[in-house]
Amino acid sequence: MKLQLPALILTAILATPLFAADPIIRLDYQLNNHPLQVDHDTAQVMNALFSNGISSVINAPIEKDLWSRVRKGFVIPDIDSPLVSKWENYYASRPDYLNRIINRSNPYLFFVVEEVEKRGMPMEFALLPMIESAYNPKAISSAQAAGMWQFIPATGKRYGLERTWWYDGRRDVVAATGAALSYLQEIHGMFDDWQLALASYNWGENAVKRAVNKNLAAGLPAEYIDLKMPDETRNYVPKLLAIRNIIADPAAYGVTLTPMNNQAYFTTLQTGKHMDVSVAAQLAEISVDELLRLNPGFIRPVIAHKDDRQMVLPIAKKAAFERNLAQYTEPLLNWQPYVTKSGERFDELASTFGIAPAELRDINDIAGKDNIARGQTILVPKVAGLDISERQTLAALHKNRESDAIDTGANDAPKAMPVLAKTNKGSEHKVAKGDTLFNIANRYGLSVAQLKALNGQKSNHLAIGDTLAVQRSNAKNSKTAAPIRYVAKRGDTYSLIAKKYDVELDDLKKWNRQNLVPGMKVVLYQPNS
């Protein structure tokens, strides 16, 4: 009987008037989350199947705020590293930068959250484009990694991201998201560890595998925090966890996040035919700029149709596009390929086809020093002469093809932190005006979670005059403290070194995350006297 229940439930739901009517109503339900109405007989069936009644199944609460939904999916463990605090401080002190990333993610984040949920992956991965590209599908790195998920050409090709003269799949938000999540799942399968999967995404899975094997061969732990790796990778996971921690508890960091609606902005469809970018925008009743913002992978005036290539449109415009396409009687293409003859001059070809030489060069990626054709195929207008709207389309395409440097927030001045009031006791802090949990924790070398745990505090509320318990590690007693490097000798232990330099043993082990061996340079910090 248990095996028959899913079929019985599905039959009962599909028998309702709402779903039996026609497929358009079903689509409308999916897009707009209309409450499901059931008749009396169906309700009795559902009540018999579920002890809590139909309302508990049909009327389950839906999060209105996307951030609330995101927070519920955070599962990657914290790491005990000062780099997390460093990056928490970086992002929390640049709230305009953080919200600039969030605003840039607005059209895409809901989609990414949905895809992460479908795969049962940690919700931290929905934030990964924040540190990869600042959520910019047009971003490019010095290593020529491109798109929101920063694929290099080889890895993109491996995961099915096409790069043609017409289209760059690394810039395609939908295709690249699928490829990135598949890649992350694959490398998680290699290590069964999401932090190592993240390190592999940045450094390469083979490099991480070698580092893991090296530690294991030496009898050392082989988690992310234990591996020797490049500085970029060493900071990679702490960056993501820092953003995760701020989004999980923004008030604790004195940050106000831009609200995000928990609803889709776009949907996908296949054009079914080749067509001009300008025609597609016209059929969807949107501007060319908006079409390209959602489809930054389209880099030529023509959208080349392929069965596995999708176009992204605002949900509200999909029906208009399909209706207008069915009724459209004008040519879908106003551009055509032209095979040049060796010796033809590009300036003369531009004149022949009624297009400015600069426009012909830009559309076809013809270098300024190339004046004579070599028999290559180029794209030209079908009808000589371009009107104003067509020239505006070319300008929008030119802007879309341009890649953007990754916005790292380096030009954002950090906001001034409030002066923190101290009691005479080094283990306490008196709350003053302007204090936040983050500022206080940062001052005393703690994480927000540690500060809240020390004080048995569950909320972020602080009252002026309250006294909080704090722990001040020796390394944090002075911002001007410089590291000391002690060369370990035979017979040394961390305990003996801690006593010799009057530092806490736990701090010493935190600064040096490896087994102590003779000749090793032990890093330690002492406060300035």
Protein backbone atom coordinates (compact mmCIF):
# COMPACT_ATOMS: atom_id res chain seq x y z
CA MET A 1 0.00 0.00 0.00
CA LYS A 2 2.86 2.40 0.80
CA LEU A 3 4.15 2.13 -2.75
CA GLN A 4 0.73 3.15 -4.09
CA LEU A 5 0.44 6.33 -2.02
CA PRO A 6 2.43 8.68 -4.32
CA ALA A 7 0.34 7.63 -7.32
CA LEU A 8 -2.88 8.04 -5.32
CA ILE A 9 -1.85 11.51 -4.14
CA LEU A 10 -0.91 12.58 -7.68
CA THR A 11 -4.18 11.23 -9.08
CA ALA A 12 -6.16 13.09 -6.43
CA ILE A 13 -4.41 16.39 -7.12
CA LEU A 14 -4.61 16.13 -10.91
CA ALA A 15 -8.32 15.37 -10.63
CA THR A 16 -9.05 18.78 -9.12
CA PRO A 17 -10.84 21.32 -11.31
CA LEU A 18 -7.77 23.58 -11.23
CA PHE A 19 -5.46 21.02 -12.81
CA ALA A 20 -8.01 19.28 -15.00
CA ALA A 21 -8.97 22.46 -16.86
CA ASP A 22 -6.04 23.02 -19.18
CA PRO A 23 -2.22 23.25 -19.19
CA ILE A 24 -2.22 27.06 -19.21
CA ILE A 25 -3.76 27.09 -15.71
CA ARG A 26 -1.14 24.61 -14.55
CA LEU A 27 1.62 26.86 -15.90
CA ASP A 28 0.01 29.88 -14.25
CA TYR A 29 0.02 28.01 -10.93
CA GLN A 30 3.70 27.15 -11.27
CA LEU A 31 4.66 30.73 -12.09
CA ASN A 32 2.50 32.53 -9.57
CA ASN A 33 2.17 29.99 -6.72
CA HIS A 34 -1.61 30.24 -6.58
CA PRO A 35 -3.10 28.39 -3.59
CA LEU A 36 -4.31 24.97 -4.67
CA GLN A 37 -8.10 24.64 -4.41
CA VAL A 38 -9.52 21.12 -4.01
CA ASP A 39 -13.07 19.82 -3.99
CA HIS A 40 -14.73 18.08 -1.02
CA ASP A 41 -14.03 14.54 -2.25
CA THR A 42 -10.35 15.25 -2.87
CA ALA A 43 -10.06 16.90 0.52
CA GLN A 44 -11.43 13.75 2.18
CA VAL A 45 -8.85 11.63 0.36
CA MET A 46 -6.03 13.96 1.39
CA ASN A 47 -7.28 14.11 4.98
CA ALA A 48 -7.31 10.32 5.11
CA LEU A 49 -3.73 10.19 3.89
CA PHE A 50 -2.32 12.93 6.13
CA SER A 51 -3.20 13.09 9.80
CA ASN A 52 -2.64 16.84 9.95
CA GLY A 53 -5.20 17.42 7.24
CA ILE A 54 -4.98 18.92 3.80
CA SER A 55 -4.04 22.39 5.01
CA SER A 56 -0.68 21.17 6.29
CA VAL A 57 0.16 19.86 2.82
CA ILE A 58 -1.39 22.41 0.50
CA ASN A 59 -0.99 25.58 2.56
CA ALA A 60 2.63 25.11 3.67
CA PRO A 61 4.12 28.55 4.35
CA ILE A 62 6.26 30.03 1.58
CA GLU A 63 9.11 32.34 2.52
CA LYS A 64 8.51 35.83 1.15
CA ASP A 65 12.09 36.90 1.80
CA LEU A 66 14.75 35.08 -0.23
CA TRP A 67 17.37 35.69 2.47
CA SER A 68 15.31 33.67 5.00
CA ARG A 69 15.22 30.78 2.56
CA VAL A 70 18.95 31.06 1.88
CA ARG A 71 19.87 31.08 5.59
CA LYS A 72 18.02 27.81 6.20
CA GLY A 73 20.32 26.02 3.76
CA PHE A 74 23.69 26.97 5.27
CA VAL A 75 25.54 23.80 6.32
CA ILE A 76 29.28 24.14 5.57
CA PRO A 77 31.21 24.04 8.87
CA ASP A 78 33.15 27.04 10.13
CA ILE A 79 36.92 26.93 10.11
CA ASP A 80 39.09 28.15 12.95
CA SER A 81 41.11 30.71 11.02
CA PRO A 82 41.82 34.41 11.56
CA LEU A 83 41.25 34.82 7.83
CA VAL A 84 37.51 34.44 8.36
CA SER A 85 37.52 37.41 10.74
CA LYS A 86 39.72 39.33 8.32
CA TRP A 87 37.20 38.95 5.51
CA GLU A 88 34.21 39.51 7.79
CA ASN A 89 35.82 42.84 8.66
CA TYR A 90 36.49 43.58 4.98
CA TYR A 91 32.91 43.05 3.83
CA ALA A 92 31.18 44.42 6.96
CA SER A 93 33.19 47.63 6.76
CA ARG A 94 32.19 48.05 3.09
CA PRO A 95 28.39 47.71 3.21
CA ASP A 96 27.95 49.66 -0.04
CA TYR A 97 30.18 47.16 -1.83
CA LEU A 98 28.32 44.19 -0.35
CA ASN A 99 24.96 45.61 -1.39
CA ARG A 100 26.33 46.46 -4.82
CA ILE A 101 27.05 42.76 -5.28
CA ILE A 102 23.58 41.89 -3.99
CA ASN A 103 21.89 44.38 -6.34
CA ARG A 104 23.87 42.91 -9.24
CA SER A 105 22.66 39.43 -8.27
CA ASN A 106 19.00 40.48 -8.13
CA PRO A 107 17.87 38.99 -11.47
CA TYR A 108 19.81 35.76 -10.95
CA LEU A 109 19.96 34.79 -7.27
CA PHE A 110 16.52 33.17 -7.03
CA PHE A 111 17.35 30.92 -9.98
CA VAL A 112 20.69 29.90 -8.44
CA VAL A 113 19.02 29.19 -5.08
CA GLU A 114 16.46 26.96 -6.82
CA GLU A 115 19.18 25.03 -8.64
CA VAL A 116 21.22 24.53 -5.45
CA GLU A 117 18.12 23.26 -3.63
CA LYS A 118 17.20 20.86 -6.43
CA ARG A 119 20.61 19.22 -6.12
CA GLY A 120 20.54 19.10 -2.30
CA MET A 121 23.75 21.13 -2.07
CA PRO A 122 24.81 23.56 0.68
CA MET A 123 23.20 26.97 0.18
CA GLU A 124 26.61 28.62 0.56
CA PHE A 125 27.12 27.78 -3.12
CA ALA A 126 24.42 30.28 -4.08
CA LEU A 127 26.80 32.91 -2.65
CA LEU A 128 29.89 31.62 -4.46
CA PRO A 129 29.51 34.00 -7.45
CA MET A 130 29.82 36.85 -4.93
CA ILE A 131 33.49 36.03 -4.40
CA GLU A 132 34.11 34.68 -7.90
CA SER A 133 32.77 37.56 -9.99
CA ALA A 134 30.81 39.85 -7.64
CA TYR A 135 27.79 38.25 -9.41
CA ASN A 136 28.70 39.75 -12.78
CA PRO A 137 28.09 37.46 -15.82
CA LYS A 138 30.40 39.70 -17.89
CA ALA A 139 33.33 39.54 -15.46
CA ILE A 140 36.71 38.32 -16.68
CA SER A 141 39.87 37.61 -14.71
CA SER A 142 43.53 38.03 -15.60
CA ALA A 143 43.60 34.26 -16.20
CA GLN A 144 40.79 34.68 -18.78
CA ALA A 145 38.23 32.99 -16.57
CA ALA A 146 34.87 34.40 -17.59
CA GLY A 147 31.29 34.73 -16.44
CA MET A 148 29.46 34.69 -13.15
CA TRP A 149 31.11 31.38 -12.18
CA GLN A 150 34.53 32.24 -13.68
CA PHE A 151 35.17 29.28 -15.96
CA ILE A 152 38.45 29.05 -17.80
CA PRO A 153 37.95 27.86 -21.40
CA ALA A 154 39.14 24.28 -20.80
CA THR A 155 36.94 23.62 -17.76
CA GLY A 156 33.97 25.31 -19.42
CA LYS A 157 34.33 23.06 -22.46
CA ARG A 158 34.61 20.01 -20.20
CA TYR A 159 31.23 20.84 -18.68
CA GLY A 160 29.46 21.60 -21.93
CA LEU A 161 29.79 25.39 -22.11
CA GLU A 162 30.04 26.24 -25.79
CA ARG A 163 32.19 29.06 -27.11
CA THR A 164 31.41 29.98 -30.70
CA TRP A 165 31.60 33.09 -32.82
CA TRP A 166 27.95 33.75 -31.93
CA TYR A 167 27.78 32.77 -28.29
CA ASP A 168 29.84 32.31 -25.10
CA GLY A 169 28.24 29.76 -22.75
CA ARG A 170 30.48 30.84 -19.84
CA ARG A 171 28.47 34.08 -19.78
CA ASP A 172 25.14 32.27 -19.98
CA VAL A 173 23.71 32.45 -16.44
CA VAL A 174 21.57 29.33 -16.81
CA ALA A 175 24.11 27.12 -18.61
CA ALA A 176 27.06 28.23 -16.48
CA THR A 177 25.16 27.69 -13.21
CA GLY A 178 24.36 24.13 -14.21
CA ALA A 179 27.96 23.51 -15.23
CA ALA A 180 29.38 25.01 -12.01
CA LEU A 181 27.12 22.99 -9.72
CA SER A 182 27.87 19.79 -11.66
CA TYR A 183 31.59 20.48 -11.32
CA LEU A 184 31.27 21.12 -7.58
CA GLN A 185 29.28 17.93 -7.10
CA GLU A 186 31.88 15.94 -9.01
CA ILE A 187 34.81 17.23 -6.97
CA HIS A 188 32.83 16.77 -3.75
CA GLY A 189 32.54 13.13 -4.77
CA MET A 190 36.33 12.93 -4.92
CA PHE A 191 36.88 14.21 -1.35
CA ASP A 192 33.51 13.90 0.43
CA ASP A 193 34.27 17.34 1.83
CA TRP A 194 32.67 20.60 0.68
CA GLN A 195 35.60 22.75 1.84
CA LEU A 196 38.01 20.69 -0.24
CA ALA A 197 35.54 20.90 -3.14
CA LEU A 198 35.68 24.68 -2.84
CA ALA A 199 39.48 24.63 -2.73
CA SER A 200 39.45 22.45 -5.86
CA TYR A 201 37.13 24.88 -7.66
CA ASN A 202 39.71 27.60 -7.08
CA TRP A 203 43.01 25.69 -7.27
CA GLY A 204 42.12 22.59 -9.29
CA GLU A 205 41.12 19.16 -8.05
CA ASN A 206 44.43 17.57 -9.01
CA ALA A 207 46.42 20.12 -7.00
CA VAL A 208 44.18 19.57 -3.96
CA LYS A 209 44.47 15.80 -4.35
CA ARG A 210 48.27 16.04 -4.37
CA ALA A 211 48.23 18.23 -1.24
CA VAL A 212 45.89 15.80 0.54
CA ASN A 213 48.03 12.78 -0.40
CA LYS A 214 51.19 14.56 0.73
CA ASN A 215 49.72 15.22 4.18
CA LEU A 216 48.36 11.71 4.53
CA ALA A 217 51.74 10.24 3.57
CA ALA A 218 53.37 12.35 6.30
CA GLY A 219 50.81 11.25 8.89
CA LEU A 220 49.27 14.73 9.02
CA PRO A 221 45.60 15.72 8.99
CA ALA A 222 44.32 16.45 5.49
CA GLU A 223 41.39 18.82 5.92
CA TYR A 224 41.24 22.20 4.17
CA ILE A 225 42.77 24.06 7.11
CA ASP A 226 45.71 21.63 7.25
CA LEU A 227 46.87 21.79 3.63
CA LYS A 228 49.68 23.89 2.21
CA MET A 229 48.19 25.90 -0.63
CA PRO A 230 48.55 29.20 -2.54
CA ASP A 231 47.44 32.37 -0.74
CA GLU A 232 44.49 32.83 -3.08
CA THR A 233 43.12 29.40 -2.19
CA ARG A 234 43.99 29.86 1.49
CA ASN A 235 41.72 32.94 1.49
CA TYR A 236 39.04 31.45 -0.77
CA VAL A 237 36.96 29.49 1.72
CA PRO A 238 37.33 32.16 4.47
CA LYS A 239 35.94 34.75 2.02
CA LEU A 240 32.87 32.64 1.31
CA LEU A 241 32.33 31.84 4.98
CA ALA A 242 32.70 35.51 5.89
CA ILE A 243 29.97 36.52 3.45
CA ARG A 244 27.89 33.56 4.65
CA ASN A 245 28.26 34.67 8.28
CA ILE A 246 27.24 38.25 7.48
CA ILE A 247 24.18 37.17 5.48
CA ALA A 248 23.26 34.69 8.22
CA ASP A 249 23.25 37.42 10.87
CA PRO A 250 23.59 40.88 9.28
CA ALA A 251 22.48 42.81 12.38
CA ALA A 252 25.36 41.34 14.36
CA TYR A 253 27.75 42.96 11.87
CA GLY A 254 25.93 46.28 11.71
CA VAL A 255 24.95 45.58 8.10
CA THR A 256 21.57 46.14 6.43
CA LEU A 257 21.08 43.86 3.42
CA THR A 258 19.10 44.88 0.36
CA PRO A 259 15.81 42.90 0.54
CA MET A 260 15.35 40.11 -2.03
CA ASN A 261 11.96 38.75 -3.08
CA ASN A 262 11.58 34.99 -3.01
CA GLN A 263 10.23 34.72 -6.52
CA ALA A 264 11.59 34.10 -9.98
CA TYR A 265 12.34 37.02 -12.26
CA PHE A 266 13.10 35.08 -15.44
CA THR A 267 12.26 31.90 -17.29
CA THR A 268 13.79 30.15 -20.29
CA LEU A 269 12.55 29.12 -23.72
CA GLN A 270 13.89 28.05 -27.08
CA THR A 271 13.47 30.49 -29.93
CA GLY A 272 12.98 27.62 -32.39
CA LYS A 273 14.47 29.77 -35.15
CA HIS A 274 17.43 32.00 -35.89
CA MET A 275 16.52 35.64 -35.31
CA ASP A 276 18.01 39.07 -34.77
CA VAL A 277 18.63 40.22 -31.23
CA SER A 278 16.55 43.30 -31.99
CA VAL A 279 13.65 41.18 -33.30
CA ALA A 280 13.73 38.95 -30.20
CA ALA A 281 13.56 42.03 -27.98
CA GLN A 282 10.69 43.42 -30.02
CA LEU A 283 8.74 40.15 -29.79
CA ALA A 284 9.28 40.02 -26.02
CA GLU A 285 8.27 43.68 -25.68
CA ILE A 286 11.47 44.57 -23.82
CA SER A 287 14.51 46.70 -24.65
CA VAL A 288 17.60 45.23 -26.29
CA ASP A 289 19.56 46.26 -23.18
CA GLU A 290 17.27 44.16 -20.96
CA LEU A 291 17.44 41.18 -23.32
CA LEU A 292 21.25 41.27 -23.29
CA ARG A 293 21.38 41.76 -19.51
CA LEU A 294 19.60 38.42 -19.16
CA ASN A 295 21.50 36.84 -22.08
CA PRO A 296 25.08 38.14 -21.92
CA GLY A 297 26.20 35.03 -23.82
CA PHE A 298 24.70 36.43 -27.06
CA ILE A 299 27.55 38.42 -28.60
CA ARG A 300 26.43 39.00 -32.23
CA PRO A 301 23.42 40.73 -33.83
CA VAL A 302 21.92 37.29 -34.59
CA ILE A 303 20.73 34.70 -32.04
CA ALA A 304 21.82 31.38 -33.55
CA HIS A 305 19.23 28.76 -32.57
CA LYS A 306 20.34 25.35 -31.31
CA ASP A 307 18.20 22.68 -29.69
CA ASP A 308 20.14 22.80 -26.42
CA ARG A 309 20.53 26.58 -26.27
CA GLN A 310 17.97 28.60 -24.34
CA MET A 311 17.01 32.25 -24.27
CA VAL A 312 16.21 33.92 -20.96
CA LEU A 313 13.24 36.29 -20.66
CA PRO A 314 11.37 37.94 -17.80
CA ILE A 315 8.59 35.58 -16.73
CA ALA A 316 5.97 38.24 -17.47
CA LYS A 317 7.18 38.46 -21.10
CA LYS A 318 7.31 34.82 -22.13
CA ALA A 319 3.67 34.65 -23.22
CA ALA A 320 4.00 37.89 -25.18
CA PHE A 321 7.08 36.55 -27.01
CA GLU A 322 5.35 33.32 -28.02
CA ARG A 323 2.15 35.13 -29.06
CA ASN A 324 3.99 37.79 -31.07
CA LEU A 325 6.29 35.22 -32.72
CA ALA A 326 3.28 33.19 -33.90
CA GLN A 327 1.79 36.33 -35.49
CA TYR A 328 5.02 37.85 -36.85
CA THR A 329 5.14 38.15 -40.64
CA GLU A 330 8.29 40.28 -41.10
CA PRO A 331 11.76 38.77 -41.67
CA LEU A 332 13.31 37.41 -38.47
CA LEU A 333 16.79 38.02 -39.86
CA ASN A 334 18.10 41.32 -41.17
CA TRP A 335 21.73 40.13 -41.23
CA GLN A 336 23.40 37.63 -43.53
CA PRO A 337 26.82 35.99 -43.91
CA TYR A 338 29.03 37.26 -46.72
CA VAL A 339 32.11 35.38 -47.97
CA THR A 340 34.75 37.96 -48.76
CA LYS A 341 37.00 37.74 -51.79
CA SER A 342 40.71 38.01 -51.26
CA GLY A 343 41.81 41.57 -51.88
CA GLU A 344 38.48 43.26 -51.06
CA ARG A 345 38.84 46.28 -48.82
CA PHE A 346 36.74 46.37 -45.66
CA ASP A 347 36.03 50.10 -45.99
CA GLU A 348 34.58 49.53 -49.45
CA LEU A 349 32.51 46.56 -48.24
CA ALA A 350 31.10 48.73 -45.45
CA SER A 351 30.04 51.32 -48.01
CA THR A 352 28.49 48.64 -50.25
CA PHE A 353 26.32 47.32 -47.39
CA GLY A 354 25.42 50.75 -46.01
CA ILE A 355 27.22 50.36 -42.69
CA ALA A 356 29.93 52.44 -41.06
CA PRO A 357 33.43 50.90 -41.33
CA ALA A 358 33.80 51.00 -37.53
CA GLU A 359 30.49 49.12 -37.14
CA LEU A 360 31.53 46.45 -39.67
CA ARG A 361 34.84 45.96 -37.88
CA ASP A 362 33.24 45.83 -34.43
CA ILE A 363 30.54 43.29 -35.38
CA ASN A 364 33.08 41.00 -37.04
CA ASP A 365 36.08 41.47 -34.70
CA ILE A 366 38.22 42.84 -37.51
CA ALA A 367 41.43 44.32 -36.15
CA GLY A 368 42.18 47.95 -36.96
CA LYS A 369 45.37 47.05 -38.81
CA ASP A 370 43.50 44.63 -41.13
CA ASN A 371 42.29 46.56 -44.16
CA ILE A 372 42.11 43.83 -46.79
CA ALA A 373 39.95 40.70 -46.68
CA ARG A 374 41.46 37.22 -46.90
CA GLY A 375 38.40 35.26 -47.97
CA GLN A 376 36.84 35.08 -44.50
CA THR A 377 33.09 35.07 -43.82
CA ILE A 378 31.67 38.20 -42.23
CA LEU A 379 28.23 39.35 -41.10
CA VAL A 380 26.59 42.16 -43.10
CA PRO A 381 23.09 43.73 -43.31
CA LYS A 382 20.65 42.17 -45.78
CA VAL A 383 19.41 45.60 -46.77
CA ALA A 384 21.86 48.46 -47.20
CA GLY A 385 21.57 51.16 -44.58
CA LEU A 386 20.89 50.97 -40.84
CA ASP A 387 18.20 52.97 -39.07
CA ILE A 388 18.61 54.55 -35.63
CA SER A 389 17.18 51.58 -33.71
CA GLU A 390 19.52 49.17 -35.49
CA ARG A 391 22.49 51.36 -34.64
CA GLN A 392 21.33 51.47 -31.03
CA THR A 393 21.23 47.66 -31.08
CA LEU A 394 24.81 47.55 -32.36
CA ALA A 395 25.88 49.92 -29.59
CA ALA A 396 24.17 47.70 -27.00
CA LEU A 397 25.87 44.61 -28.45
CA HIS A 398 29.24 46.36 -28.35
CA LYS A 399 28.71 47.17 -24.69
CA ASN A 400 27.56 43.61 -23.98
CA ARG A 401 30.65 42.08 -25.63
CA GLU A 402 32.94 44.17 -23.45
CA SER A 403 34.19 42.27 -20.41
CA ASP A 404 34.30 43.84 -16.97
CA ALA A 405 37.12 43.67 -14.48
CA ILE A 406 36.02 41.90 -11.29
CA ASP A 407 34.67 44.33 -8.71
CA THR A 408 36.66 43.50 -5.56
CA GLY A 409 35.61 46.52 -3.51
CA ALA A 410 39.23 47.67 -3.39
CA ASN A 411 38.20 51.22 -4.28
CA ASP A 412 35.55 51.36 -1.54
CA ALA A 413 36.84 53.14 1.54
CA PRO A 414 36.03 51.11 4.67
CA LYS A 415 33.59 52.85 6.95
CA ALA A 416 34.94 54.11 10.26
CA MET A 417 34.29 51.76 13.14
CA PRO A 418 32.91 53.30 16.34
CA VAL A 419 35.28 53.79 19.26
CA LEU A 420 34.65 50.94 21.66
CA ALA A 421 34.29 51.61 25.36
CA LYS A 422 36.33 49.36 27.64
CA THR A 423 36.00 48.54 31.29
CA ASN A 424 39.08 48.38 33.47
CA LYS A 425 38.94 44.60 33.31
CA GLY A 426 40.57 43.03 30.27
CA SER A 427 37.91 40.33 30.22
CA GLU A 428 34.89 42.66 29.99
CA HIS A 429 33.49 45.25 27.63
CA LYS A 430 30.91 47.93 28.38
CA VAL A 431 28.48 48.52 25.51
CA ALA A 432 28.50 52.08 24.18
CA LYS A 433 26.51 53.90 21.50
CA GLY A 434 27.34 52.58 18.03
CA ASP A 435 28.58 49.18 19.22
CA THR A 436 27.63 46.06 17.29
CA LEU A 437 28.39 42.46 18.12
CA PHE A 438 30.74 42.32 15.16
CA ASN A 439 32.75 45.40 16.16
CA ILE A 440 33.11 44.16 19.72
CA ALA A 441 34.03 40.63 18.66
CA ASN A 442 36.57 41.94 16.16
CA ARG A 443 38.17 44.15 18.81
CA TYR A 444 38.75 41.20 21.12
CA GLY A 445 39.77 38.62 18.56
CA LEU A 446 36.50 36.69 18.65
CA SER A 447 33.94 35.61 16.13
CA VAL A 448 30.38 36.85 16.58
CA ALA A 449 29.31 33.30 17.43
CA GLN A 450 31.99 33.05 20.12
CA LEU A 451 31.01 36.39 21.67
CA LYS A 452 27.33 35.40 21.76
CA ALA A 453 28.20 32.00 23.26
CA LEU A 454 30.36 33.61 25.96
CA ASN A 455 27.42 35.72 27.04
CA GLY A 456 24.63 33.19 26.50
CA GLN A 457 23.13 35.61 24.01
CA LYS A 458 20.74 34.43 21.29
CA SER A 459 19.59 37.77 19.87
CA ASN A 460 21.64 40.62 18.40
CA HIS A 461 20.21 43.19 20.79
CA LEU A 462 22.70 45.29 22.74
CA ALA A 463 21.76 47.82 25.43
CA ILE A 464 24.05 50.75 26.15
CA GLY A 465 25.77 50.17 29.48
CA ASP A 466 25.58 46.38 29.35
CA THR A 467 28.78 44.57 30.27
CA LEU A 468 29.86 41.71 28.02
CA ALA A 469 32.37 39.00 28.80
CA VAL A 470 35.19 38.92 26.23
CA GLN A 471 38.33 36.94 25.64
CA ARG A 472 41.34 38.85 24.48
CA SER A 473 44.00 36.65 22.94
CA ASN A 474 47.57 37.88 23.25
CA ALA A 475 47.79 38.28 19.50
CA LYS A 476 44.97 40.81 19.60
CA ASN A 477 46.19 42.92 22.51
CA SER A 478 47.93 45.24 20.15
CA LYS A 479 47.43 45.90 16.47
CA THR A 480 51.13 46.71 16.20
CA ALA A 481 52.29 43.32 17.53
CA ALA A 482 54.72 41.75 15.05
CA PRO A 483 55.14 38.00 14.59
CA ILE A 484 58.10 36.25 16.19
CA ARG A 485 59.59 33.24 14.45
CA TYR A 486 61.21 30.67 16.72
CA VAL A 487 63.13 27.75 15.25
CA ALA A 488 62.04 24.57 17.02
CA LYS A 489 64.77 22.43 18.57
CA ARG A 490 64.88 18.74 19.39
CA GLY A 491 62.85 18.15 22.55
CA ASP A 492 60.67 21.24 22.11
CA THR A 493 56.93 20.98 22.54
CA TYR A 494 54.24 23.57 21.94
CA SER A 495 53.63 23.63 25.69
CA LEU A 496 57.28 24.48 26.47
CA ILE A 497 57.40 27.18 23.79
CA ALA A 498 54.13 28.71 25.06
CA LYS A 499 55.56 28.92 28.59
CA LYS A 500 58.85 30.35 27.34
CA TYR A 501 57.16 33.21 25.46
CA ASP A 502 54.24 33.64 27.89
CA VAL A 503 51.48 32.97 25.36
CA GLU A 504 48.42 30.78 25.55
CA LEU A 505 48.95 27.20 24.33
CA ASP A 506 45.68 27.26 22.37
CA ASP A 507 46.74 30.45 20.60
CA LEU A 508 50.14 28.99 19.72
CA LYS A 509 48.52 25.92 18.20
CA LYS A 510 46.08 28.14 16.27
CA TRP A 511 48.97 30.12 14.78
CA ASN A 512 50.83 26.93 13.77
CA ARG A 513 48.48 24.31 12.40
CA GLN A 514 50.91 21.45 11.97
CA ASN A 515 52.85 18.91 13.96
CA LEU A 516 55.93 20.36 15.65
CA VAL A 517 59.23 19.08 14.22
CA PRO A 518 62.84 20.19 14.80
CA GLY A 519 63.88 22.99 12.45
CA MET A 520 60.33 24.22 11.95
CA LYS A 521 59.76 27.98 12.18
CA VAL A 522 57.14 28.48 14.88
CA VAL A 523 55.09 31.67 14.51
CA LEU A 524 53.94 33.44 17.67
CA TYR A 525 52.72 36.88 18.70
CA GLN A 526 53.45 38.85 21.82
CA PRO A 527 51.77 42.10 22.80
CA ASN A 528 53.85 45.24 22.79
CA SER A 529 54.72 46.27 26.31
